[in-house]
Amino acid sequence: MSNRRSFLKIGAAAAITLAAGGAIYRMVTPTPTPHPFALDGEARAALNAIIPVLLGPLLPSEAAARAQALAATLERTHGAIRGLPLSTQKEVQDLFGLLALAPARRFLAGVSASWEQAEPAEVADFLQSWRKHRLAMLQTAYLALHDLVLGSWYADPSSWAAIGYPGPRKELLK
């Protein structure tokens, strides 16, 4: 019985010591400030693969107009991410960092090739699997990508006519 009590006392003392040490470490170590989102090569490549799949038939069919629309949407998406709070920008950067790692891209997204070489059907399967995934974290990541891209697409007034949106209402001056 005394061995059991000694074990419990030592365990409790160790837990308290670890908790105190962790608290002291957090007080002494400054929290790094998040940096603004950087649309680096890997994040740009992932978005270049994801944007046309999410927009699909909304994009112009003519090659030059399509390329211009994709480039403009990429830049607006970058601007939308940069408009988020820094802590959220860091989460988006972490998401793209995860998608940039080949093992994570293969395991979590099912995309075996690099983003530059990914087939649209493979990217569509990845997005659909995250959309309906049983893990809420992957569903949230899908929704973030979806909302950022589609929000950026519809932020451009040239896309409004396709959905019958006349634009903001103009108030009559009296």
N, C-alpha and C. Protein backbone atom coordinates (compact mmCIF):
# COMPACT_ATOMS: atom_id res chain seq x y z
N MET A 1 0.83 -1.19 0.00
CA MET A 1 0.00 0.00 0.00
C MET A 1 0.87 1.26 0.00
N SER A 2 1.97 1.22 0.77
CA SER A 2 2.82 2.41 0.82
C SER A 2 3.54 2.62 -0.51
N ASN A 3 3.87 1.54 -1.24
CA ASN A 3 4.48 1.70 -2.57
C ASN A 3 3.54 2.42 -3.52
N ARG A 4 2.29 2.07 -3.43
CA ARG A 4 1.29 2.70 -4.29
C ARG A 4 1.15 4.18 -3.95
N ARG A 5 1.11 4.50 -2.65
CA ARG A 5 1.01 5.91 -2.23
C ARG A 5 2.25 6.68 -2.64
N SER A 6 3.40 6.09 -2.48
CA SER A 6 4.65 6.76 -2.89
C SER A 6 4.64 7.02 -4.39
N PHE A 7 4.20 6.03 -5.15
CA PHE A 7 4.13 6.18 -6.59
C PHE A 7 3.20 7.32 -6.97
N LEU A 8 2.02 7.39 -6.33
CA LEU A 8 1.06 8.46 -6.62
C LEU A 8 1.62 9.82 -6.23
N LYS A 9 2.32 9.89 -5.09
CA LYS A 9 2.89 11.16 -4.65
C LYS A 9 3.98 11.63 -5.62
N ILE A 10 4.82 10.70 -6.03
CA ILE A 10 5.89 11.06 -6.97
C ILE A 10 5.30 11.48 -8.31
N GLY A 11 4.27 10.77 -8.77
CA GLY A 11 3.60 11.12 -10.02
C GLY A 11 2.97 12.50 -9.96
N ALA A 12 2.30 12.81 -8.85
CA ALA A 12 1.68 14.12 -8.69
C ALA A 12 2.73 15.22 -8.64
N ALA A 13 3.83 14.97 -7.92
CA ALA A 13 4.90 15.97 -7.84
C ALA A 13 5.53 16.19 -9.22
N ALA A 14 5.72 15.12 -9.96
CA ALA A 14 6.29 15.26 -11.31
C ALA A 14 5.36 16.05 -12.22
N ALA A 15 4.05 15.79 -12.13
CA ALA A 15 3.09 16.52 -12.96
C ALA A 15 3.09 18.00 -12.62
N ILE A 16 3.13 18.32 -11.35
CA ILE A 16 3.16 19.72 -10.92
C ILE A 16 4.44 20.39 -11.39
N THR A 17 5.56 19.67 -11.29
CA THR A 17 6.84 20.22 -11.73
C THR A 17 6.83 20.49 -13.23
N LEU A 18 6.31 19.53 -14.01
CA LEU A 18 6.21 19.74 -15.46
C LEU A 18 5.30 20.91 -15.81
N ALA A 19 4.18 21.03 -15.14
CA ALA A 19 3.25 22.13 -15.40
C ALA A 19 3.90 23.47 -15.06
N ALA A 20 4.60 23.53 -13.93
CA ALA A 20 5.27 24.77 -13.54
C ALA A 20 6.37 25.11 -14.53
N GLY A 21 7.13 24.09 -14.95
CA GLY A 21 8.20 24.32 -15.93
C GLY A 21 7.64 24.83 -17.25
N GLY A 22 6.52 24.27 -17.69
CA GLY A 22 5.90 24.72 -18.93
C GLY A 22 5.41 26.15 -18.81
N ALA A 23 4.82 26.50 -17.67
CA ALA A 23 4.34 27.86 -17.46
C ALA A 23 5.50 28.85 -17.46
N ILE A 24 6.58 28.50 -16.80
CA ILE A 24 7.76 29.38 -16.77
C ILE A 24 8.33 29.53 -18.17
N TYR A 25 8.41 28.45 -18.91
CA TYR A 25 8.93 28.51 -20.28
C TYR A 25 8.09 29.44 -21.14
N ARG A 26 6.76 29.35 -21.03
CA ARG A 26 5.89 30.22 -21.83
C ARG A 26 6.05 31.68 -21.43
N MET A 27 6.29 31.95 -20.15
CA MET A 27 6.46 33.33 -19.71
C MET A 27 7.80 33.90 -20.17
N VAL A 28 8.83 33.08 -20.19
CA VAL A 28 10.17 33.54 -20.53
C VAL A 28 10.38 33.61 -22.04
N THR A 29 9.83 32.66 -22.78
CA THR A 29 10.02 32.59 -24.23
C THR A 29 8.98 33.44 -24.93
N PRO A 30 9.41 34.42 -25.72
CA PRO A 30 8.44 35.25 -26.44
C PRO A 30 7.75 34.45 -27.54
N THR A 31 6.48 34.75 -27.76
CA THR A 31 5.73 34.12 -28.83
C THR A 31 6.10 34.79 -30.14
N PRO A 32 6.52 34.00 -31.14
CA PRO A 32 6.88 34.64 -32.40
C PRO A 32 5.66 35.27 -33.06
N THR A 33 5.88 36.45 -33.62
CA THR A 33 4.77 37.11 -34.30
C THR A 33 4.60 36.50 -35.68
N PRO A 34 3.37 36.23 -36.07
CA PRO A 34 3.15 35.63 -37.39
C PRO A 34 3.54 36.62 -38.50
N HIS A 35 4.02 36.06 -39.59
CA HIS A 35 4.39 36.86 -40.74
C HIS A 35 3.25 36.85 -41.75
N PRO A 36 3.15 37.89 -42.57
CA PRO A 36 2.12 37.89 -43.61
C PRO A 36 2.29 36.71 -44.57
N PHE A 37 1.19 36.28 -45.15
CA PHE A 37 1.18 35.16 -46.08
C PHE A 37 2.06 35.45 -47.28
N ALA A 38 2.88 34.49 -47.65
CA ALA A 38 3.74 34.63 -48.82
C ALA A 38 3.29 33.62 -49.87
N LEU A 39 2.96 34.11 -51.04
CA LEU A 39 2.56 33.24 -52.14
C LEU A 39 3.83 32.75 -52.83
N ASP A 40 4.50 31.79 -52.18
CA ASP A 40 5.75 31.27 -52.72
C ASP A 40 5.48 30.27 -53.84
N GLY A 41 6.52 29.67 -54.34
CA GLY A 41 6.40 28.77 -55.48
C GLY A 41 5.44 27.61 -55.25
N GLU A 42 5.53 26.95 -54.10
CA GLU A 42 4.68 25.80 -53.83
C GLU A 42 3.22 26.20 -53.64
N ALA A 43 2.98 27.28 -52.90
CA ALA A 43 1.61 27.75 -52.70
C ALA A 43 1.02 28.22 -54.03
N ARG A 44 1.83 28.90 -54.82
CA ARG A 44 1.38 29.36 -56.15
C ARG A 44 1.04 28.16 -57.03
N ALA A 45 1.88 27.13 -57.01
CA ALA A 45 1.64 25.94 -57.83
C ALA A 45 0.37 25.23 -57.39
N ALA A 46 0.16 25.13 -56.08
CA ALA A 46 -1.05 24.47 -55.58
C ALA A 46 -2.29 25.26 -55.99
N LEU A 47 -2.24 26.58 -55.83
CA LEU A 47 -3.39 27.39 -56.22
C LEU A 47 -3.62 27.34 -57.73
N ASN A 48 -2.54 27.31 -58.50
CA ASN A 48 -2.69 27.21 -59.96
C ASN A 48 -3.35 25.89 -60.37
N ALA A 49 -3.20 24.86 -59.56
CA ALA A 49 -3.85 23.58 -59.84
C ALA A 49 -5.29 23.57 -59.31
N ILE A 50 -5.53 24.25 -58.20
CA ILE A 50 -6.83 24.20 -57.53
C ILE A 50 -7.84 25.16 -58.17
N ILE A 51 -7.40 26.37 -58.52
CA ILE A 51 -8.32 27.39 -59.03
C ILE A 51 -9.11 26.93 -60.25
N PRO A 52 -8.46 26.39 -61.30
CA PRO A 52 -9.27 25.99 -62.47
C PRO A 52 -10.25 24.86 -62.17
N VAL A 53 -9.92 24.02 -61.21
CA VAL A 53 -10.83 22.92 -60.85
C VAL A 53 -12.05 23.48 -60.11
N LEU A 54 -11.81 24.41 -59.20
CA LEU A 54 -12.94 24.99 -58.45
C LEU A 54 -13.82 25.87 -59.33
N LEU A 55 -13.22 26.57 -60.27
CA LEU A 55 -14.01 27.48 -61.12
C LEU A 55 -14.63 26.76 -62.31
N GLY A 56 -13.98 25.73 -62.80
CA GLY A 56 -14.52 24.90 -63.88
C GLY A 56 -15.11 25.69 -65.03
N PRO A 57 -16.41 25.50 -65.29
CA PRO A 57 -17.04 26.12 -66.46
C PRO A 57 -17.22 27.63 -66.34
N LEU A 58 -16.93 28.21 -65.20
CA LEU A 58 -17.03 29.66 -65.07
C LEU A 58 -15.93 30.37 -65.86
N LEU A 59 -14.83 29.67 -66.10
CA LEU A 59 -13.69 30.26 -66.80
C LEU A 59 -13.97 30.41 -68.29
N PRO A 60 -13.40 31.43 -68.91
CA PRO A 60 -13.55 31.59 -70.37
C PRO A 60 -12.94 30.39 -71.09
N SER A 61 -13.47 30.05 -72.24
CA SER A 61 -12.95 28.91 -72.99
C SER A 61 -11.77 29.30 -73.88
N GLU A 62 -11.71 30.56 -74.30
CA GLU A 62 -10.61 31.02 -75.14
C GLU A 62 -9.32 31.05 -74.30
N ALA A 63 -8.23 30.51 -74.83
CA ALA A 63 -7.00 30.27 -74.06
C ALA A 63 -6.41 31.53 -73.42
N ALA A 64 -6.30 32.61 -74.17
CA ALA A 64 -5.69 33.83 -73.62
C ALA A 64 -6.57 34.43 -72.53
N ALA A 65 -7.88 34.47 -72.77
CA ALA A 65 -8.80 35.01 -71.76
C ALA A 65 -8.81 34.12 -70.52
N ARG A 66 -8.73 32.81 -70.73
CA ARG A 66 -8.69 31.87 -69.61
C ARG A 66 -7.43 32.09 -68.76
N ALA A 67 -6.28 32.21 -69.42
CA ALA A 67 -5.02 32.43 -68.71
C ALA A 67 -5.06 33.74 -67.93
N GLN A 68 -5.63 34.77 -68.54
CA GLN A 68 -5.74 36.07 -67.87
C GLN A 68 -6.67 35.97 -66.66
N ALA A 69 -7.79 35.27 -66.80
CA ALA A 69 -8.74 35.11 -65.70
C ALA A 69 -8.12 34.32 -64.55
N LEU A 70 -7.37 33.28 -64.89
CA LEU A 70 -6.71 32.47 -63.86
C LEU A 70 -5.67 33.29 -63.11
N ALA A 71 -4.86 34.06 -63.84
CA ALA A 71 -3.83 34.89 -63.21
C ALA A 71 -4.46 35.95 -62.31
N ALA A 72 -5.53 36.58 -62.79
CA ALA A 72 -6.20 37.61 -61.99
C ALA A 72 -6.83 37.01 -60.74
N THR A 73 -7.42 35.82 -60.87
CA THR A 73 -8.03 35.17 -59.71
C THR A 73 -6.96 34.77 -58.70
N LEU A 74 -5.81 34.31 -59.18
CA LEU A 74 -4.71 33.96 -58.29
C LEU A 74 -4.28 35.19 -57.48
N GLU A 75 -4.13 36.31 -58.15
CA GLU A 75 -3.71 37.53 -57.45
C GLU A 75 -4.78 38.03 -56.47
N ARG A 76 -6.05 37.95 -56.87
CA ARG A 76 -7.12 38.36 -55.95
C ARG A 76 -7.20 37.42 -54.75
N THR A 77 -6.96 36.12 -54.97
CA THR A 77 -6.94 35.16 -53.87
C THR A 77 -5.81 35.49 -52.91
N HIS A 78 -4.65 35.81 -53.48
CA HIS A 78 -3.52 36.22 -52.65
C HIS A 78 -3.88 37.46 -51.83
N GLY A 79 -4.51 38.42 -52.47
CA GLY A 79 -4.94 39.63 -51.76
C GLY A 79 -5.97 39.33 -50.68
N ALA A 80 -6.87 38.39 -50.96
CA ALA A 80 -7.88 38.02 -49.95
C ALA A 80 -7.22 37.39 -48.74
N ILE A 81 -6.24 36.53 -48.98
CA ILE A 81 -5.53 35.90 -47.86
C ILE A 81 -4.77 36.94 -47.07
N ARG A 82 -4.14 37.89 -47.77
CA ARG A 82 -3.39 38.95 -47.08
C ARG A 82 -4.30 39.88 -46.30
N GLY A 83 -5.59 39.88 -46.60
CA GLY A 83 -6.55 40.69 -45.86
C GLY A 83 -7.05 40.03 -44.58
N LEU A 84 -6.69 38.77 -44.38
CA LEU A 84 -7.10 38.05 -43.17
C LEU A 84 -6.21 38.44 -42.00
N PRO A 85 -6.66 38.20 -40.77
CA PRO A 85 -5.78 38.45 -39.62
C PRO A 85 -4.50 37.61 -39.74
N LEU A 86 -3.40 38.11 -39.17
CA LEU A 86 -2.12 37.43 -39.30
C LEU A 86 -2.17 35.98 -38.80
N SER A 87 -2.90 35.74 -37.73
CA SER A 87 -2.98 34.36 -37.22
C SER A 87 -3.66 33.44 -38.23
N THR A 88 -4.67 33.94 -38.93
CA THR A 88 -5.35 33.15 -39.95
C THR A 88 -4.45 32.99 -41.18
N GLN A 89 -3.70 34.03 -41.53
CA GLN A 89 -2.75 33.92 -42.63
C GLN A 89 -1.73 32.83 -42.34
N LYS A 90 -1.31 32.72 -41.09
CA LYS A 90 -0.36 31.68 -40.72
C LYS A 90 -0.98 30.30 -40.90
N GLU A 91 -2.25 30.15 -40.56
CA GLU A 91 -2.92 28.87 -40.75
C GLU A 91 -3.01 28.51 -42.23
N VAL A 92 -3.30 29.50 -43.08
CA VAL A 92 -3.36 29.25 -44.52
C VAL A 92 -1.97 28.90 -45.03
N GLN A 93 -0.95 29.60 -44.54
CA GLN A 93 0.43 29.29 -44.93
C GLN A 93 0.79 27.87 -44.51
N ASP A 94 0.37 27.46 -43.32
CA ASP A 94 0.61 26.09 -42.85
C ASP A 94 -0.09 25.08 -43.75
N LEU A 95 -1.31 25.40 -44.19
CA LEU A 95 -2.03 24.50 -45.08
C LEU A 95 -1.26 24.31 -46.39
N PHE A 96 -0.79 25.40 -46.97
CA PHE A 96 -0.03 25.29 -48.21
C PHE A 96 1.32 24.62 -47.98
N GLY A 97 1.90 24.85 -46.81
CA GLY A 97 3.14 24.15 -46.47
C GLY A 97 2.93 22.66 -46.40
N LEU A 98 1.80 22.24 -45.85
CA LEU A 98 1.47 20.82 -45.79
C LEU A 98 1.24 20.25 -47.19
N LEU A 99 0.52 20.98 -48.02
CA LEU A 99 0.25 20.53 -49.39
C LEU A 99 1.52 20.52 -50.25
N ALA A 100 2.53 21.27 -49.85
CA ALA A 100 3.78 21.31 -50.60
C ALA A 100 4.64 20.07 -50.35
N LEU A 101 4.51 19.47 -49.18
CA LEU A 101 5.31 18.28 -48.86
C LEU A 101 4.80 17.08 -49.63
N ALA A 102 5.68 16.46 -50.40
CA ALA A 102 5.27 15.33 -51.24
C ALA A 102 4.57 14.21 -50.45
N PRO A 103 5.11 13.76 -49.31
CA PRO A 103 4.41 12.68 -48.59
C PRO A 103 3.02 13.11 -48.09
N ALA A 104 2.91 14.33 -47.60
CA ALA A 104 1.61 14.82 -47.13
C ALA A 104 0.65 15.01 -48.30
N ARG A 105 1.16 15.52 -49.41
CA ARG A 105 0.32 15.71 -50.60
C ARG A 105 -0.21 14.36 -51.08
N ARG A 106 0.64 13.34 -51.05
CA ARG A 106 0.20 12.01 -51.49
C ARG A 106 -0.76 11.39 -50.49
N PHE A 107 -0.43 11.48 -49.20
CA PHE A 107 -1.24 10.82 -48.17
C PHE A 107 -2.55 11.54 -47.91
N LEU A 108 -2.50 12.85 -47.74
CA LEU A 108 -3.70 13.62 -47.38
C LEU A 108 -4.54 14.03 -48.58
N ALA A 109 -3.88 14.36 -49.68
CA ALA A 109 -4.61 14.85 -50.85
C ALA A 109 -4.76 13.80 -51.94
N GLY A 110 -3.93 12.77 -51.91
CA GLY A 110 -4.01 11.75 -52.95
C GLY A 110 -3.46 12.22 -54.29
N VAL A 111 -2.68 13.30 -54.27
CA VAL A 111 -2.08 13.84 -55.49
C VAL A 111 -0.64 13.34 -55.52
N SER A 112 -0.34 12.44 -56.44
CA SER A 112 0.98 11.82 -56.45
C SER A 112 2.03 12.69 -57.13
N ALA A 113 1.67 13.40 -58.16
CA ALA A 113 2.62 14.25 -58.88
C ALA A 113 2.75 15.60 -58.19
N SER A 114 3.72 16.38 -58.64
CA SER A 114 3.81 17.75 -58.13
C SER A 114 2.57 18.52 -58.57
N TRP A 115 2.32 19.67 -57.97
CA TRP A 115 1.13 20.45 -58.32
C TRP A 115 1.18 20.89 -59.78
N GLU A 116 2.39 21.16 -60.30
CA GLU A 116 2.50 21.58 -61.70
C GLU A 116 2.08 20.46 -62.65
N GLN A 117 2.26 19.21 -62.23
CA GLN A 117 1.97 18.06 -63.09
C GLN A 117 0.66 17.37 -62.73
N ALA A 118 -0.04 17.85 -61.72
CA ALA A 118 -1.27 17.21 -61.27
C ALA A 118 -2.36 17.33 -62.33
N GLU A 119 -3.04 16.24 -62.57
CA GLU A 119 -4.16 16.22 -63.52
C GLU A 119 -5.39 16.86 -62.87
N PRO A 120 -6.20 17.61 -63.62
CA PRO A 120 -7.40 18.22 -63.05
C PRO A 120 -8.33 17.21 -62.37
N ALA A 121 -8.45 16.01 -62.92
CA ALA A 121 -9.31 14.99 -62.30
C ALA A 121 -8.77 14.58 -60.94
N GLU A 122 -7.45 14.50 -60.82
CA GLU A 122 -6.82 14.15 -59.55
C GLU A 122 -7.05 15.25 -58.51
N VAL A 123 -6.94 16.50 -58.94
CA VAL A 123 -7.18 17.64 -58.04
C VAL A 123 -8.66 17.68 -57.64
N ALA A 124 -9.55 17.41 -58.59
CA ALA A 124 -10.99 17.39 -58.29
C ALA A 124 -11.31 16.29 -57.27
N ASP A 125 -10.69 15.12 -57.43
CA ASP A 125 -10.90 14.03 -56.47
C ASP A 125 -10.42 14.42 -55.08
N PHE A 126 -9.25 15.08 -55.04
CA PHE A 126 -8.71 15.54 -53.75
C PHE A 126 -9.67 16.53 -53.09
N LEU A 127 -10.14 17.51 -53.84
CA LEU A 127 -11.05 18.51 -53.27
C LEU A 127 -12.35 17.86 -52.80
N GLN A 128 -12.89 16.96 -53.60
CA GLN A 128 -14.13 16.28 -53.23
C GLN A 128 -13.93 15.42 -51.98
N SER A 129 -12.79 14.77 -51.87
CA SER A 129 -12.55 13.92 -50.69
C SER A 129 -12.44 14.78 -49.44
N TRP A 130 -11.80 15.94 -49.53
CA TRP A 130 -11.72 16.83 -48.37
C TRP A 130 -13.08 17.44 -48.06
N ARG A 131 -13.86 17.70 -49.08
CA ARG A 131 -15.19 18.29 -48.87
C ARG A 131 -16.08 17.38 -48.03
N LYS A 132 -15.95 16.07 -48.26
CA LYS A 132 -16.81 15.10 -47.58
C LYS A 132 -16.06 14.28 -46.54
N HIS A 133 -14.86 14.69 -46.17
CA HIS A 133 -14.04 13.90 -45.25
C HIS A 133 -14.67 13.82 -43.87
N ARG A 134 -14.38 12.74 -43.18
CA ARG A 134 -14.93 12.57 -41.82
C ARG A 134 -14.22 13.46 -40.80
N LEU A 135 -13.00 13.90 -41.11
CA LEU A 135 -12.29 14.81 -40.22
C LEU A 135 -12.71 16.25 -40.50
N ALA A 136 -13.20 16.90 -39.49
CA ALA A 136 -13.68 18.29 -39.65
C ALA A 136 -12.55 19.22 -40.09
N MET A 137 -11.33 18.92 -39.68
CA MET A 137 -10.20 19.78 -40.04
C MET A 137 -9.99 19.82 -41.56
N LEU A 138 -10.13 18.68 -42.22
CA LEU A 138 -9.97 18.65 -43.67
C LEU A 138 -11.17 19.29 -44.36
N GLN A 139 -12.35 19.14 -43.80
CA GLN A 139 -13.52 19.83 -44.35
C GLN A 139 -13.32 21.34 -44.26
N THR A 140 -12.80 21.80 -43.13
CA THR A 140 -12.55 23.23 -42.93
C THR A 140 -11.50 23.73 -43.92
N ALA A 141 -10.47 22.93 -44.16
CA ALA A 141 -9.44 23.32 -45.13
C ALA A 141 -10.05 23.43 -46.53
N TYR A 142 -10.91 22.48 -46.89
CA TYR A 142 -11.59 22.56 -48.19
C TYR A 142 -12.42 23.83 -48.27
N LEU A 143 -13.21 24.09 -47.25
CA LEU A 143 -14.07 25.28 -47.26
C LEU A 143 -13.25 26.56 -47.37
N ALA A 144 -12.10 26.58 -46.71
CA ALA A 144 -11.23 27.76 -46.80
C ALA A 144 -10.76 27.96 -48.24
N LEU A 145 -10.28 26.88 -48.86
CA LEU A 145 -9.83 26.99 -50.26
C LEU A 145 -10.98 27.40 -51.17
N HIS A 146 -12.12 26.76 -51.00
CA HIS A 146 -13.31 27.05 -51.81
C HIS A 146 -13.74 28.50 -51.68
N ASP A 147 -13.89 28.95 -50.45
CA ASP A 147 -14.38 30.31 -50.22
C ASP A 147 -13.38 31.37 -50.67
N LEU A 148 -12.09 31.12 -50.46
CA LEU A 148 -11.09 32.09 -50.90
C LEU A 148 -11.08 32.22 -52.42
N VAL A 149 -11.13 31.09 -53.11
CA VAL A 149 -11.07 31.13 -54.58
C VAL A 149 -12.36 31.69 -55.16
N LEU A 150 -13.51 31.16 -54.74
CA LEU A 150 -14.77 31.65 -55.32
C LEU A 150 -15.07 33.08 -54.89
N GLY A 151 -14.73 33.43 -53.67
CA GLY A 151 -14.90 34.82 -53.25
C GLY A 151 -14.05 35.77 -54.08
N SER A 152 -12.83 35.33 -54.40
CA SER A 152 -11.95 36.14 -55.23
C SER A 152 -12.46 36.24 -56.66
N TRP A 153 -13.04 35.16 -57.16
CA TRP A 153 -13.60 35.17 -58.52
C TRP A 153 -14.76 36.15 -58.59
N TYR A 154 -15.67 36.06 -57.65
CA TYR A 154 -16.86 36.92 -57.71
C TYR A 154 -16.60 38.33 -57.18
N ALA A 155 -15.42 38.59 -56.67
CA ALA A 155 -15.07 39.97 -56.30
C ALA A 155 -14.80 40.81 -57.53
N ASP A 156 -14.57 40.16 -58.67
CA ASP A 156 -14.31 40.87 -59.92
C ASP A 156 -15.64 41.19 -60.60
N PRO A 157 -15.94 42.45 -60.83
CA PRO A 157 -17.21 42.82 -61.47
C PRO A 157 -17.46 42.15 -62.83
N SER A 158 -16.40 41.74 -63.53
CA SER A 158 -16.61 41.11 -64.83
C SER A 158 -17.25 39.72 -64.70
N SER A 159 -17.25 39.14 -63.53
CA SER A 159 -17.86 37.82 -63.34
C SER A 159 -19.33 37.91 -62.93
N TRP A 160 -19.81 39.08 -62.66
CA TRP A 160 -21.18 39.23 -62.14
C TRP A 160 -22.24 38.92 -63.19
N ALA A 161 -22.00 39.26 -64.42
CA ALA A 161 -23.03 39.08 -65.46
C ALA A 161 -23.40 37.61 -65.62
N ALA A 162 -22.45 36.71 -65.45
CA ALA A 162 -22.71 35.28 -65.63
C ALA A 162 -23.73 34.75 -64.63
N ILE A 163 -23.86 35.41 -63.48
CA ILE A 163 -24.83 34.95 -62.48
C ILE A 163 -26.03 35.89 -62.36
N GLY A 164 -26.08 36.88 -63.27
CA GLY A 164 -27.22 37.78 -63.28
C GLY A 164 -27.19 38.84 -62.18
N TYR A 165 -26.03 39.08 -61.60
CA TYR A 165 -25.92 40.10 -60.57
C TYR A 165 -25.64 41.44 -61.23
N PRO A 166 -26.51 42.43 -61.06
CA PRO A 166 -26.32 43.70 -61.73
C PRO A 166 -25.27 44.60 -61.08
N GLY A 167 -24.80 44.21 -59.93
CA GLY A 167 -23.83 45.03 -59.22
C GLY A 167 -24.50 45.76 -58.07
N PRO A 168 -23.69 46.49 -57.30
CA PRO A 168 -24.26 47.22 -56.18
C PRO A 168 -25.33 48.21 -56.65
N ARG A 169 -26.30 48.36 -55.85
CA ARG A 169 -27.38 49.27 -56.18
C ARG A 169 -26.91 50.71 -56.08
N LYS A 170 -27.25 51.47 -57.07
CA LYS A 170 -26.86 52.88 -57.08
C LYS A 170 -28.02 53.69 -56.52
N GLU A 171 -27.72 54.41 -55.48
CA GLU A 171 -28.74 55.24 -54.83
C GLU A 171 -28.98 56.50 -55.65
N LEU A 172 -30.21 56.85 -55.78
CA LEU A 172 -30.55 58.08 -56.51
C LEU A 172 -30.31 59.28 -55.62
N LEU A 173 -29.67 60.25 -56.19
CA LEU A 173 -29.44 61.49 -55.44
C LEU A 173 -30.64 62.40 -55.64
N LYS A 174 -31.05 62.99 -54.59
CA LYS A 174 -32.22 63.89 -54.66
C LYS A 174 -31.78 65.31 -54.62
